[in-house]
C-alpha cells in the first residue's frame, strides 16, 4: 500500500488552481507538459518495528515542483507542502535550482509517511 499522495495533491484547491491536475508519479512528466507541475515518487521505506512485530510502515516520498518563474515555483512548492503535510512530515529540502538548459525552476522536498498496518 502506497501513501495517498495523489489524493492529497488532487484534494488541495490551492495547489490545483496552480497545476490543474498536472501531477505525475514515478518522478517523470511527459516531455512537453505545461508548467507548473509536480512529479513524485516513493524511492524507499521500511517497516517500523515494535518489539517482535512491525505495526507500521514508513514510506519516503520525493516531490519535485517545476515552474517557469521564480515566483511560480515558490507558490507551487508552498501549496504542495501544505497539501502533503496533512498526512506526512517534511524531512528535507533537496533542491532549489534552475536548469541551465531548459530554464525551468525546481524545488524538491522529501516527506515521510508513517502508515499503520
PDB file of N, CA and C in Angstrom:
ATOM      1  N   UNK A   1       0.846  -1.187   0.000  1.00  0.00           N
ATOM      2  CA  UNK A   1       0.000   0.000   0.000  1.00  0.00           C
ATOM      3  C   UNK A   1       0.885   1.241   0.000  1.00  0.00           C
ATOM      4  N   UNK A   2       0.722   2.080  -0.990  1.00  0.00           N
ATOM      5  CA  UNK A   2       1.469   3.328  -1.060  1.00  0.00           C
ATOM      6  C   UNK A   2       0.730   4.431  -0.309  1.00  0.00           C
ATOM      7  N   UNK A   3       1.446   5.459   0.099  1.00  0.00           N
ATOM      8  CA  UNK A   3       0.768   6.586   0.744  1.00  0.00           C
ATOM      9  C   UNK A   3      -0.167   7.284  -0.245  1.00  0.00           C
ATOM     10  N   UNK A   4      -1.164   7.984   0.265  1.00  0.00           N
ATOM     11  CA  UNK A   4      -2.190   8.587  -0.597  1.00  0.00           C
ATOM     12  C   UNK A   4      -1.738   9.905  -1.236  1.00  0.00           C
ATOM     13  N   UNK A   5      -0.625   9.887  -1.895  1.00  0.00           N
ATOM     14  CA  UNK A   5      -0.029  11.116  -2.432  1.00  0.00           C
ATOM     15  C   UNK A   5      -0.955  11.785  -3.441  1.00  0.00           C
ATOM     16  N   UNK A   6      -1.371  11.048  -4.429  1.00  0.00           N
ATOM     17  CA  UNK A   6      -2.187  11.637  -5.497  1.00  0.00           C
ATOM     18  C   UNK A   6      -3.478  12.228  -4.955  1.00  0.00           C
ATOM     19  N   UNK A   7      -4.127  11.518  -4.028  1.00  0.00           N
ATOM     20  CA  UNK A   7      -5.382  12.052  -3.487  1.00  0.00           C
ATOM     21  C   UNK A   7      -5.139  13.319  -2.674  1.00  0.00           C
ATOM     22  N   UNK A   8      -4.014  13.408  -1.964  1.00  0.00           N
ATOM     23  CA  UNK A   8      -3.691  14.632  -1.227  1.00  0.00           C
ATOM     24  C   UNK A   8      -3.458  15.807  -2.179  1.00  0.00           C
ATOM     25  N   UNK A   9      -2.727  15.553  -3.254  1.00  0.00           N
ATOM     26  CA  UNK A   9      -2.458  16.611  -4.231  1.00  0.00           C
ATOM     27  C   UNK A   9      -3.746  17.068  -4.924  1.00  0.00           C
ATOM     28  N   UNK A  10      -4.574  16.119  -5.311  1.00  0.00           N
ATOM     29  CA  UNK A  10      -5.809  16.461  -6.024  1.00  0.00           C
ATOM     30  C   UNK A  10      -6.839  17.135  -5.119  1.00  0.00           C
ATOM     31  N   UNK A  11      -6.807  16.849  -3.820  1.00  0.00           N
ATOM     32  CA  UNK A  11      -7.779  17.426  -2.889  1.00  0.00           C
ATOM     33  C   UNK A  11      -7.443  18.857  -2.484  1.00  0.00           C
ATOM     34  N   UNK A  12      -6.273  19.334  -2.845  1.00  0.00           N
ATOM     35  CA  UNK A  12      -5.862  20.686  -2.462  1.00  0.00           C
ATOM     36  C   UNK A  12      -6.294  21.711  -3.506  1.00  0.00           C
ATOM     37  N   UNK A  13      -7.311  22.489  -3.183  1.00  0.00           N
ATOM     38  CA  UNK A  13      -7.795  23.515  -4.119  1.00  0.00           C
ATOM     39  C   UNK A  13      -6.717  24.549  -4.451  1.00  0.00           C
ATOM     40  N   UNK A  14      -5.939  25.030  -3.456  1.00  0.00           N
ATOM     41  CA  UNK A  14      -4.892  26.000  -3.799  1.00  0.00           C
ATOM     42  C   UNK A  14      -3.849  25.426  -4.764  1.00  0.00           C
ATOM     43  N   UNK A  15      -3.465  24.162  -4.557  1.00  0.00           N
ATOM     44  CA  UNK A  15      -2.486  23.548  -5.455  1.00  0.00           C
ATOM     45  C   UNK A  15      -3.090  23.323  -6.838  1.00  0.00           C
ATOM     46  N   UNK A  16      -4.317  22.815  -6.894  1.00  0.00           N
ATOM     47  CA  UNK A  16      -4.937  22.551  -8.181  1.00  0.00           C
ATOM     48  C   UNK A  16      -5.173  23.832  -8.982  1.00  0.00           C
ATOM     49  N   UNK A  17      -5.384  24.953  -8.300  1.00  0.00           N
ATOM     50  CA  UNK A  17      -5.509  26.234  -9.002  1.00  0.00           C
ATOM     51  C   UNK A  17      -4.223  26.571  -9.751  1.00  0.00           C
ATOM     52  N   UNK A  18      -3.106  26.030  -9.272  1.00  0.00           N
ATOM     53  CA  UNK A  18      -1.809  26.297  -9.892  1.00  0.00           C
ATOM     54  C   UNK A  18      -1.417  25.259 -10.943  1.00  0.00           C
ATOM     55  N   UNK A  19      -1.659  23.972 -10.645  1.00  0.00           N
ATOM     56  CA  UNK A  19      -1.144  22.914 -11.533  1.00  0.00           C
ATOM     57  C   UNK A  19      -2.214  22.237 -12.380  1.00  0.00           C
ATOM     58  N   UNK A  20      -3.472  22.493 -12.115  1.00  0.00           N
ATOM     59  CA  UNK A  20      -4.578  21.953 -12.929  1.00  0.00           C
ATOM     60  C   UNK A  20      -4.470  20.453 -13.195  1.00  0.00           C
ATOM     61  N   UNK A  21      -4.200  19.687 -12.151  1.00  0.00           N
ATOM     62  CA  UNK A  21      -4.158  18.231 -12.292  1.00  0.00           C
ATOM     63  C   UNK A  21      -2.853  17.673 -12.816  1.00  0.00           C
ATOM     64  N   UNK A  22      -1.877  18.515 -13.053  1.00  0.00           N
ATOM     65  CA  UNK A  22      -0.607  18.042 -13.616  1.00  0.00           C
ATOM     66  C   UNK A  22       0.331  17.567 -12.502  1.00  0.00           C
ATOM     67  N   UNK A  23       0.067  16.358 -12.011  1.00  0.00           N
ATOM     68  CA  UNK A  23       0.977  15.689 -11.074  1.00  0.00           C
ATOM     69  C   UNK A  23       1.248  14.306 -11.644  1.00  0.00           C
ATOM     70  N   UNK A  24       2.500  13.909 -11.549  1.00  0.00           N
ATOM     71  CA  UNK A  24       2.938  12.692 -12.239  1.00  0.00           C
ATOM     72  C   UNK A  24       3.752  11.803 -11.315  1.00  0.00           C
ATOM     73  N   UNK A  25       3.363  10.539 -11.280  1.00  0.00           N
ATOM     74  CA  UNK A  25       4.036   9.541 -10.461  1.00  0.00           C
ATOM     75  C   UNK A  25       5.314   9.049 -11.142  1.00  0.00           C
ATOM     76  N   UNK A  26       6.156   8.411 -10.418  1.00  0.00           N
ATOM     77  CA  UNK A  26       7.409   7.809 -10.867  1.00  0.00           C
ATOM     78  C   UNK A  26       8.487   8.849 -11.173  1.00  0.00           C
ATOM     79  N   UNK A  27       8.269  10.099 -10.764  1.00  0.00           N
ATOM     80  CA  UNK A  27       9.294  11.120 -10.902  1.00  0.00           C
ATOM     81  C   UNK A  27       9.471  11.703 -12.285  1.00  0.00           C
ATOM     82  N   UNK A  28       8.586  11.369 -13.222  1.00  0.00           N
ATOM     83  CA  UNK A  28       8.723  11.861 -14.599  1.00  0.00           C
ATOM     84  C   UNK A  28       7.409  12.424 -15.105  1.00  0.00           C
ATOM     85  N   UNK A  29       7.517  13.473 -15.903  1.00  0.00           N
ATOM     86  CA  UNK A  29       6.359  14.073 -16.567  1.00  0.00           C
ATOM     87  C   UNK A  29       6.536  13.923 -18.072  1.00  0.00           C
ATOM     88  N   UNK A  30       5.437  14.004 -18.830  1.00  0.00           N
ATOM     89  CA  UNK A  30       5.572  13.984 -20.280  1.00  0.00           C
ATOM     90  C   UNK A  30       6.495  15.117 -20.760  1.00  0.00           C
ATOM     91  N   UNK A  31       7.164  14.904 -21.858  1.00  0.00           N
ATOM     92  CA  UNK A  31       8.195  15.832 -22.313  1.00  0.00           C
ATOM     93  C   UNK A  31       7.696  17.265 -22.514  1.00  0.00           C
ATOM     94  N   UNK A  32       6.558  17.456 -23.109  1.00  0.00           N
ATOM     95  CA  UNK A  32       6.091  18.808 -23.428  1.00  0.00           C
ATOM     96  C   UNK A  32       4.947  19.271 -22.533  1.00  0.00           C
ATOM     97  N   UNK A  33       4.925  18.792 -21.303  1.00  0.00           N
ATOM     98  CA  UNK A  33       3.841  19.147 -20.387  1.00  0.00           C
ATOM     99  C   UNK A  33       3.886  20.647 -20.069  1.00  0.00           C
ATOM    100  N   UNK A  34       2.699  21.212 -19.890  1.00  0.00           N
ATOM    101  CA  UNK A  34       2.618  22.609 -19.466  1.00  0.00           C
ATOM    102  C   UNK A  34       3.153  22.742 -18.051  1.00  0.00           C
ATOM    103  N   UNK A  35       3.702  23.868 -17.740  1.00  0.00           N
ATOM    104  CA  UNK A  35       4.171  24.148 -16.400  1.00  0.00           C
ATOM    105  C   UNK A  35       3.277  25.208 -15.776  1.00  0.00           C
ATOM    106  N   UNK A  36       3.160  25.199 -14.462  1.00  0.00           N
ATOM    107  CA  UNK A  36       3.856  24.368 -13.487  1.00  0.00           C
ATOM    108  C   UNK A  36       3.235  22.978 -13.357  1.00  0.00           C
ATOM    109  N   UNK A  37       4.036  22.080 -12.762  1.00  0.00           N
ATOM    110  CA  UNK A  37       3.577  20.728 -12.500  1.00  0.00           C
ATOM    111  C   UNK A  37       4.392  20.146 -11.349  1.00  0.00           C
ATOM    112  N   UNK A  38       3.963  18.963 -10.883  1.00  0.00           N
ATOM    113  CA  UNK A  38       4.601  18.267  -9.768  1.00  0.00           C
ATOM    114  C   UNK A  38       4.904  16.841 -10.199  1.00  0.00           C
ATOM    115  N   UNK A  39       6.099  16.346  -9.867  1.00  0.00           N
ATOM    116  CA  UNK A  39       6.410  14.929 -10.027  1.00  0.00           C
ATOM    117  C   UNK A  39       6.678  14.344  -8.649  1.00  0.00           C
ATOM    118  N   UNK A  40       6.402  13.067  -8.509  1.00  0.00           N
ATOM    119  CA  UNK A  40       6.632  12.421  -7.219  1.00  0.00           C
ATOM    120  C   UNK A  40       6.969  10.951  -7.395  1.00  0.00           C
ATOM    121  N   UNK A  41       7.669  10.427  -6.399  1.00  0.00           N
ATOM    122  CA  UNK A  41       7.990   9.001  -6.377  1.00  0.00           C
ATOM    123  C   UNK A  41       8.211   8.577  -4.932  1.00  0.00           C
ATOM    124  N   UNK A  42       8.163   7.277  -4.726  1.00  0.00           N
ATOM    125  CA  UNK A  42       8.416   6.697  -3.401  1.00  0.00           C
ATOM    126  C   UNK A  42       9.677   5.850  -3.541  1.00  0.00           C
ATOM    127  N   UNK A  43      10.861   6.465  -3.339  1.00  0.00           N
ATOM    128  CA  UNK A  43      12.114   5.753  -3.570  1.00  0.00           C
ATOM    129  C   UNK A  43      12.523   4.783  -2.465  1.00  0.00           C
ATOM    130  N   UNK A  44      11.792   4.772  -1.352  1.00  0.00           N
ATOM    131  CA  UNK A  44      12.191   3.851  -0.299  1.00  0.00           C
ATOM    132  C   UNK A  44      11.236   3.863   0.866  1.00  0.00           C
ATOM    133  N   UNK A  45      11.545   3.020   1.816  1.00  0.00           N
ATOM    134  CA  UNK A  45      10.744   2.919   3.021  1.00  0.00           C
ATOM    135  C   UNK A  45      11.231   1.759   3.862  1.00  0.00           C
ATOM    136  N   UNK A  46      10.573   1.558   4.988  1.00  0.00           N
ATOM    137  CA  UNK A  46      10.961   0.466   5.875  1.00  0.00           C
ATOM    138  C   UNK A  46       9.830   0.162   6.841  1.00  0.00           C
ATOM    139  N   UNK A  47       9.889  -1.005   7.443  1.00  0.00           N
ATOM    140  CA  UNK A  47       8.916  -1.388   8.464  1.00  0.00           C
ATOM    141  C   UNK A  47       9.339  -0.782   9.790  1.00  0.00           C
ATOM    142  N   UNK A  48       8.403  -0.182  10.474  1.00  0.00           N
ATOM    143  CA  UNK A  48       8.638   0.379  11.803  1.00  0.00           C
ATOM    144  C   UNK A  48       8.389  -0.745  12.795  1.00  0.00           C
ATOM    145  N   UNK A  49       9.462  -1.309  13.321  1.00  0.00           N
ATOM    146  CA  UNK A  49       9.340  -2.477  14.188  1.00  0.00           C
ATOM    147  C   UNK A  49       9.146  -2.090  15.645  1.00  0.00           C
ATOM    148  N   UNK A  50       8.201  -2.750  16.274  1.00  0.00           N
ATOM    149  CA  UNK A  50       7.943  -2.579  17.699  1.00  0.00           C
ATOM    150  C   UNK A  50       7.990  -3.963  18.329  1.00  0.00           C
ATOM    151  N   UNK A  51       8.988  -4.195  19.144  1.00  0.00           N
ATOM    152  CA  UNK A  51       9.234  -5.492  19.743  1.00  0.00           C
ATOM    153  C   UNK A  51       9.400  -6.535  18.640  1.00  0.00           C
ATOM    154  N   UNK A  52       8.497  -7.501  18.548  1.00  0.00           N
ATOM    155  CA  UNK A  52       8.664  -8.577  17.580  1.00  0.00           C
ATOM    156  C   UNK A  52       7.840  -8.379  16.312  1.00  0.00           C
ATOM    157  N   UNK A  53       7.072  -7.332  16.253  1.00  0.00           N
ATOM    158  CA  UNK A  53       6.114  -7.208  15.166  1.00  0.00           C
ATOM    159  C   UNK A  53       6.158  -5.810  14.565  1.00  0.00           C
ATOM    160  N   UNK A  54       6.121  -5.733  13.249  1.00  0.00           N
ATOM    161  CA  UNK A  54       6.033  -4.441  12.579  1.00  0.00           C
ATOM    162  C   UNK A  54       4.578  -3.970  12.611  1.00  0.00           C
ATOM    163  N   UNK A  55       4.328  -2.796  13.189  1.00  0.00           N
ATOM    164  CA  UNK A  55       2.956  -2.314  13.272  1.00  0.00           C
ATOM    165  C   UNK A  55       2.699  -1.101  12.377  1.00  0.00           C
ATOM    166  N   UNK A  56       3.730  -0.656  11.673  1.00  0.00           N
ATOM    167  CA  UNK A  56       3.573   0.460  10.739  1.00  0.00           C
ATOM    168  C   UNK A  56       4.658   0.381   9.673  1.00  0.00           C
ATOM    169  N   UNK A  57       4.406   1.022   8.566  1.00  0.00           N
ATOM    170  CA  UNK A  57       5.398   1.133   7.512  1.00  0.00           C
ATOM    171  C   UNK A  57       5.704   2.609   7.286  1.00  0.00           C
ATOM    172  N   UNK A  58       6.951   2.914   7.063  1.00  0.00           N
ATOM    173  CA  UNK A  58       7.379   4.280   6.765  1.00  0.00           C
ATOM    174  C   UNK A  58       7.719   4.342   5.283  1.00  0.00           C
ATOM    175  N   UNK A  59       7.104   5.269   4.593  1.00  0.00           N
ATOM    176  CA  UNK A  59       7.366   5.474   3.173  1.00  0.00           C
ATOM    177  C   UNK A  59       8.032   6.831   2.997  1.00  0.00           C
ATOM    178  N   UNK A  60       9.131   6.846   2.281  1.00  0.00           N
ATOM    179  CA  UNK A  60       9.827   8.098   1.967  1.00  0.00           C
ATOM    180  C   UNK A  60       9.334   8.572   0.609  1.00  0.00           C
ATOM    181  N   UNK A  61       8.870   9.796   0.552  1.00  0.00           N
ATOM    182  CA  UNK A  61       8.313  10.381  -0.662  1.00  0.00           C
ATOM    183  C   UNK A  61       9.202  11.519  -1.142  1.00  0.00           C
ATOM    184  N   UNK A  62       9.557  11.513  -2.409  1.00  0.00           N
ATOM    185  CA  UNK A  62      10.254  12.644  -3.014  1.00  0.00           C
ATOM    186  C   UNK A  62       9.279  13.363  -3.937  1.00  0.00           C
ATOM    187  N   UNK A  63       9.176  14.667  -3.747  1.00  0.00           N
ATOM    188  CA  UNK A  63       8.307  15.501  -4.566  1.00  0.00           C
ATOM    189  C   UNK A  63       9.150  16.595  -5.186  1.00  0.00           C
ATOM    190  N   UNK A  64       8.999  16.776  -6.492  1.00  0.00           N
ATOM    191  CA  UNK A  64       9.679  17.863  -7.192  1.00  0.00           C
ATOM    192  C   UNK A  64       8.635  18.753  -7.836  1.00  0.00           C
ATOM    193  N   UNK A  65       8.761  20.043  -7.598  1.00  0.00           N
ATOM    194  CA  UNK A  65       7.877  21.038  -8.178  1.00  0.00           C
ATOM    195  C   UNK A  65       8.641  21.737  -9.296  1.00  0.00           C
ATOM    196  N   UNK A  66       7.949  21.997 -10.415  1.00  0.00           N
ATOM    197  CA  UNK A  66       8.579  22.568 -11.601  1.00  0.00           C
ATOM    198  C   UNK A  66       7.763  23.755 -12.094  1.00  0.00           C
ATOM    199  N   UNK A  67       8.474  24.832 -12.488  1.00  0.00           N
ATOM    200  CA  UNK A  67       7.779  26.024 -12.991  1.00  0.00           C
ATOM    201  C   UNK A  67       8.725  26.845 -13.861  1.00  0.00           C
ATOM    202  N   UNK A  68       8.155  27.841 -14.517  1.00  0.00           N
ATOM    203  CA  UNK A  68       8.933  28.689 -15.424  1.00  0.00           C
ATOM    204  C   UNK A  68       9.427  29.978 -14.791  1.00  0.00           C
ATOM    205  N   UNK A  69       8.973  30.296 -13.583  1.00  0.00           N
ATOM    206  CA  UNK A  69       9.427  31.539 -12.944  1.00  0.00           C
ATOM    207  C   UNK A  69       9.705  31.299 -11.466  1.00  0.00           C
ATOM    208  N   UNK A  70      10.492  32.184 -10.922  1.00  0.00           N
ATOM    209  CA  UNK A  70      10.851  32.088  -9.515  1.00  0.00           C
ATOM    210  C   UNK A  70       9.608  32.209  -8.626  1.00  0.00           C
ATOM    211  N   UNK A  71       8.729  33.152  -8.926  1.00  0.00           N
ATOM    212  CA  UNK A  71       7.523  33.332  -8.122  1.00  0.00           C
ATOM    213  C   UNK A  71       6.595  32.124  -8.231  1.00  0.00           C
ATOM    214  N   UNK A  72       6.453  31.594  -9.429  1.00  0.00           N
ATOM    215  CA  UNK A  72       5.590  30.433  -9.634  1.00  0.00           C
ATOM    216  C   UNK A  72       6.096  29.221  -8.863  1.00  0.00           C
ATOM    217  N   UNK A  73       7.403  28.978  -8.892  1.00  0.00           N
ATOM    218  CA  UNK A  73       7.928  27.802  -8.185  1.00  0.00           C
ATOM    219  C   UNK A  73       7.726  27.933  -6.681  1.00  0.00           C
ATOM    220  N   UNK A  74       7.870  29.140  -6.162  1.00  0.00           N
ATOM    221  CA  UNK A  74       7.631  29.363  -4.730  1.00  0.00           C
ATOM    222  C   UNK A  74       6.177  29.042  -4.379  1.00  0.00           C
ATOM    223  N   UNK A  75       5.254  29.492  -5.210  1.00  0.00           N
ATOM    224  CA  UNK A  75       3.828  29.255  -4.955  1.00  0.00           C
ATOM    225  C   UNK A  75       3.480  27.773  -5.032  1.00  0.00           C
ATOM    226  N   UNK A  76       3.996  27.099  -6.049  1.00  0.00           N
ATOM    227  CA  UNK A  76       3.696  25.673  -6.219  1.00  0.00           C
ATOM    228  C   UNK A  76       4.299  24.857  -5.073  1.00  0.00           C
ATOM    229  N   UNK A  77       5.539  25.145  -4.702  1.00  0.00           N
ATOM    230  CA  UNK A  77       6.178  24.398  -3.610  1.00  0.00           C
ATOM    231  C   UNK A  77       5.443  24.614  -2.291  1.00  0.00           C
ATOM    232  N   UNK A  78       5.039  25.835  -2.029  1.00  0.00           N
ATOM    233  CA  UNK A  78       4.315  26.124  -0.787  1.00  0.00           C
ATOM    234  C   UNK A  78       2.971  25.394  -0.744  1.00  0.00           C
ATOM    235  N   UNK A  79       2.238  25.411  -1.853  1.00  0.00           N
ATOM    236  CA  UNK A  79       0.944  24.728  -1.898  1.00  0.00           C
ATOM    237  C   UNK A  79       1.109  23.209  -1.829  1.00  0.00           C
ATOM    238  N   UNK A  80       2.159  22.699  -2.453  1.00  0.00           N
ATOM    239  CA  UNK A  80       2.427  21.260  -2.414  1.00  0.00           C
ATOM    240  C   UNK A  80       2.753  20.821  -0.996  1.00  0.00           C
ATOM    241  N   UNK A  81       3.607  21.578  -0.339  1.00  0.00           N
ATOM    242  CA  UNK A  81       3.955  21.248   1.050  1.00  0.00           C
ATOM    243  C   UNK A  81       2.712  21.238   1.930  1.00  0.00           C
ATOM    244  N   UNK A  82       1.883  22.261   1.806  1.00  0.00           N
ATOM    245  CA  UNK A  82       0.670  22.335   2.629  1.00  0.00           C
ATOM    246  C   UNK A  82      -0.246  21.142   2.370  1.00  0.00           C
ATOM    247  N   UNK A  83      -0.348  20.718   1.123  1.00  0.00           N
ATOM    248  CA  UNK A  83      -1.217  19.585   0.782  1.00  0.00           C
ATOM    249  C   UNK A  83      -0.710  18.285   1.399  1.00  0.00           C
ATOM    250  N   UNK A  84       0.586  18.048   1.306  1.00  0.00           N
ATOM    251  CA  UNK A  84       1.140  16.774   1.770  1.00  0.00           C
ATOM    252  C   UNK A  84       1.306  16.724   3.280  1.00  0.00           C
ATOM    253  N   UNK A  85       1.592  17.858   3.901  1.00  0.00           N
ATOM    254  CA  UNK A  85       1.785  17.851   5.359  1.00  0.00           C
ATOM    255  C   UNK A  85       0.510  17.560   6.137  1.00  0.00           C
ATOM    256  N   UNK A  86      -0.600  17.413   5.475  1.00  0.00           N
ATOM    257  CA  UNK A  86      -1.814  16.973   6.164  1.00  0.00           C
ATOM    258  C   UNK A  86      -1.694  15.523   6.607  1.00  0.00           C
ATOM    259  N   UNK A  87      -0.757  14.777   5.958  1.00  0.00           N
ATOM    260  CA  UNK A  87      -0.631  13.351   6.270  1.00  0.00           C
ATOM    261  C   UNK A  87       0.809  12.880   6.446  1.00  0.00           C
ATOM    262  N   UNK A  88       1.790  13.764   6.257  1.00  0.00           N
ATOM    263  CA  UNK A  88       3.194  13.346   6.311  1.00  0.00           C
ATOM    264  C   UNK A  88       4.047  14.458   6.913  1.00  0.00           C
ATOM    265  N   UNK A  89       5.295  14.104   7.222  1.00  0.00           N
ATOM    266  CA  UNK A  89       6.230  15.073   7.786  1.00  0.00           C
ATOM    267  C   UNK A  89       7.293  15.437   6.760  1.00  0.00           C
ATOM    268  N   UNK A  90       7.499  16.741   6.564  1.00  0.00           N
ATOM    269  CA  UNK A  90       8.603  17.190   5.722  1.00  0.00           C
ATOM    270  C   UNK A  90       9.900  16.870   6.447  1.00  0.00           C
ATOM    271  N   UNK A  91      10.817  16.174   5.772  1.00  0.00           N
ATOM    272  CA  UNK A  91      12.082  15.813   6.415  1.00  0.00           C
ATOM    273  C   UNK A  91      13.287  16.466   5.766  1.00  0.00           C
ATOM    274  N   UNK A  92      13.153  16.963   4.524  1.00  0.00           N
ATOM    275  CA  UNK A  92      14.308  17.586   3.865  1.00  0.00           C
ATOM    276  C   UNK A  92      13.886  18.385   2.647  1.00  0.00           C
ATOM    277  N   UNK A  93      14.669  19.423   2.399  1.00  0.00           N
ATOM    278  CA  UNK A  93      14.649  20.109   1.104  1.00  0.00           C
ATOM    279  C   UNK A  93      15.856  19.580   0.357  1.00  0.00           C
ATOM    280  N   UNK A  94      15.668  19.144  -0.879  1.00  0.00           N
ATOM    281  CA  UNK A  94      16.794  18.552  -1.594  1.00  0.00           C
ATOM    282  C   UNK A  94      17.184  19.322  -2.846  1.00  0.00           C
ATOM    283  N   UNK A  95      16.397  20.310  -3.226  1.00  0.00           N
ATOM    284  CA  UNK A  95      16.753  21.074  -4.423  1.00  0.00           C
ATOM    285  C   UNK A  95      16.070  22.432  -4.395  1.00  0.00           C
ATOM    286  N   UNK A  96      16.794  23.420  -4.843  1.00  0.00           N
ATOM    287  CA  UNK A  96      16.279  24.754  -5.118  1.00  0.00           C
ATOM    288  C   UNK A  96      17.175  25.281  -6.222  1.00  0.00           C
ATOM    289  N   UNK A  97      16.763  25.004  -7.457  1.00  0.00           N
ATOM    290  CA  UNK A  97      17.684  25.247  -8.556  1.00  0.00           C
ATOM    291  C   UNK A  97      16.955  25.649  -9.826  1.00  0.00           C
ATOM    292  N   UNK A  98      17.744  26.069 -10.791  1.00  0.00           N
ATOM    293  CA  UNK A  98      17.231  26.385 -12.121  1.00  0.00           C
ATOM    294  C   UNK A  98      18.082  25.650 -13.139  1.00  0.00           C
ATOM    295  N   UNK A  99      17.420  24.892 -14.017  1.00  0.00           N
ATOM    296  CA  UNK A  99      18.138  24.123 -15.022  1.00  0.00           C
ATOM    297  C   UNK A  99      18.716  25.073 -16.069  1.00  0.00           C
ATOM    298  N   UNK A 100      20.029  25.025 -16.300  1.00  0.00           N
ATOM    299  CA  UNK A 100      20.640  25.960 -17.244  1.00  0.00           C
ATOM    300  C   UNK A 100      20.227  25.720 -18.699  1.00  0.00           C
ATOM    301  N   UNK A 101      19.798  24.516 -19.039  1.00  0.00           N
ATOM    302  CA  UNK A 101      19.407  24.219 -20.416  1.00  0.00           C
ATOM    303  C   UNK A 101      17.950  24.588 -20.711  1.00  0.00           C
ATOM    304  N   UNK A 102      17.051  24.247 -19.783  1.00  0.00           N
ATOM    305  CA  UNK A 102      15.625  24.489 -20.024  1.00  0.00           C
ATOM    306  C   UNK A 102      15.129  25.786 -19.399  1.00  0.00           C
ATOM    307  N   UNK A 103      15.855  26.297 -18.411  1.00  0.00           N
ATOM    308  CA  UNK A 103      15.413  27.489 -17.696  1.00  0.00           C
ATOM    309  C   UNK A 103      14.351  27.213 -16.656  1.00  0.00           C
ATOM    310  N   UNK A 104      13.963  25.945 -16.480  1.00  0.00           N
ATOM    311  CA  UNK A 104      12.934  25.596 -15.506  1.00  0.00           C
ATOM    312  C   UNK A 104      13.474  25.671 -14.080  1.00  0.00           C
ATOM    313  N   UNK A 105      12.609  26.138 -13.205  1.00  0.00           N
ATOM    314  CA  UNK A 105      12.918  26.171 -11.781  1.00  0.00           C
ATOM    315  C   UNK A 105      12.416  24.882 -11.143  1.00  0.00           C
ATOM    316  N   UNK A 106      13.135  24.432 -10.124  1.00  0.00           N
ATOM    317  CA  UNK A 106      12.766  23.204  -9.414  1.00  0.00           C
ATOM    318  C   UNK A 106      12.996  23.382  -7.926  1.00  0.00           C
ATOM    319  N   UNK A 107      12.022  22.970  -7.140  1.00  0.00           N
ATOM    320  CA  UNK A 107      12.185  22.819  -5.688  1.00  0.00           C
ATOM    321  C   UNK A 107      11.815  21.377  -5.365  1.00  0.00           C
ATOM    322  N   UNK A 108      12.728  20.670  -4.686  1.00  0.00           N
ATOM    323  CA  UNK A 108      12.496  19.283  -4.311  1.00  0.00           C
ATOM    324  C   UNK A 108      12.383  19.151  -2.805  1.00  0.00           C
ATOM    325  N   UNK A 109      11.478  18.287  -2.376  1.00  0.00           N
ATOM    326  CA  UNK A 109      11.238  18.060  -0.951  1.00  0.00           C
ATOM    327  C   UNK A 109      11.100  16.562  -0.692  1.00  0.00           C
ATOM    328  N   UNK A 110      11.410  16.160   0.528  1.00  0.00           N
ATOM    329  CA  UNK A 110      11.254  14.774   0.954  1.00  0.00           C
ATOM    330  C   UNK A 110      10.317  14.759   2.154  1.00  0.00           C
ATOM    331  N   UNK A 111       9.369  13.843   2.119  1.00  0.00           N
ATOM    332  CA  UNK A 111       8.401  13.669   3.207  1.00  0.00           C
ATOM    333  C   UNK A 111       8.432  12.230   3.666  1.00  0.00           C
ATOM    334  N   UNK A 112       8.116  11.999   4.935  1.00  0.00           N
ATOM    335  CA  UNK A 112       7.940  10.642   5.460  1.00  0.00           C
ATOM    336  C   UNK A 112       6.490  10.439   5.868  1.00  0.00           C
ATOM    337  N   UNK A 113       5.902   9.390   5.342  1.00  0.00           N
ATOM    338  CA  UNK A 113       4.572   8.933   5.751  1.00  0.00           C
ATOM    339  C   UNK A 113       4.774   7.765   6.700  1.00  0.00           C
ATOM    340  N   UNK A 114       4.044   7.747   7.801  1.00  0.00           N
ATOM    341  CA  UNK A 114       4.018   6.584   8.694  1.00  0.00           C
ATOM    342  C   UNK A 114       2.596   6.042   8.646  1.00  0.00           C
ATOM    343  N   UNK A 115       2.459   4.867   8.035  1.00  0.00           N
ATOM    344  CA  UNK A 115       1.141   4.288   7.833  1.00  0.00           C
ATOM    345  C   UNK A 115       0.966   3.043   8.685  1.00  0.00           C
ATOM    346  N   UNK A 116      -0.033   3.029   9.550  1.00  0.00           N
ATOM    347  CA  UNK A 116      -0.284   1.837  10.365  1.00  0.00           C
ATOM    348  C   UNK A 116      -0.661   0.659   9.485  1.00  0.00           C
ATOM    349  N   UNK A 117      -0.277  -0.526   9.949  1.00  0.00           N
ATOM    350  CA  UNK A 117      -0.661  -1.734   9.200  1.00  0.00           C
ATOM    351  C   UNK A 117      -2.041  -2.172   9.574  1.00  0.00           C
TER     352      UNK A 117
END
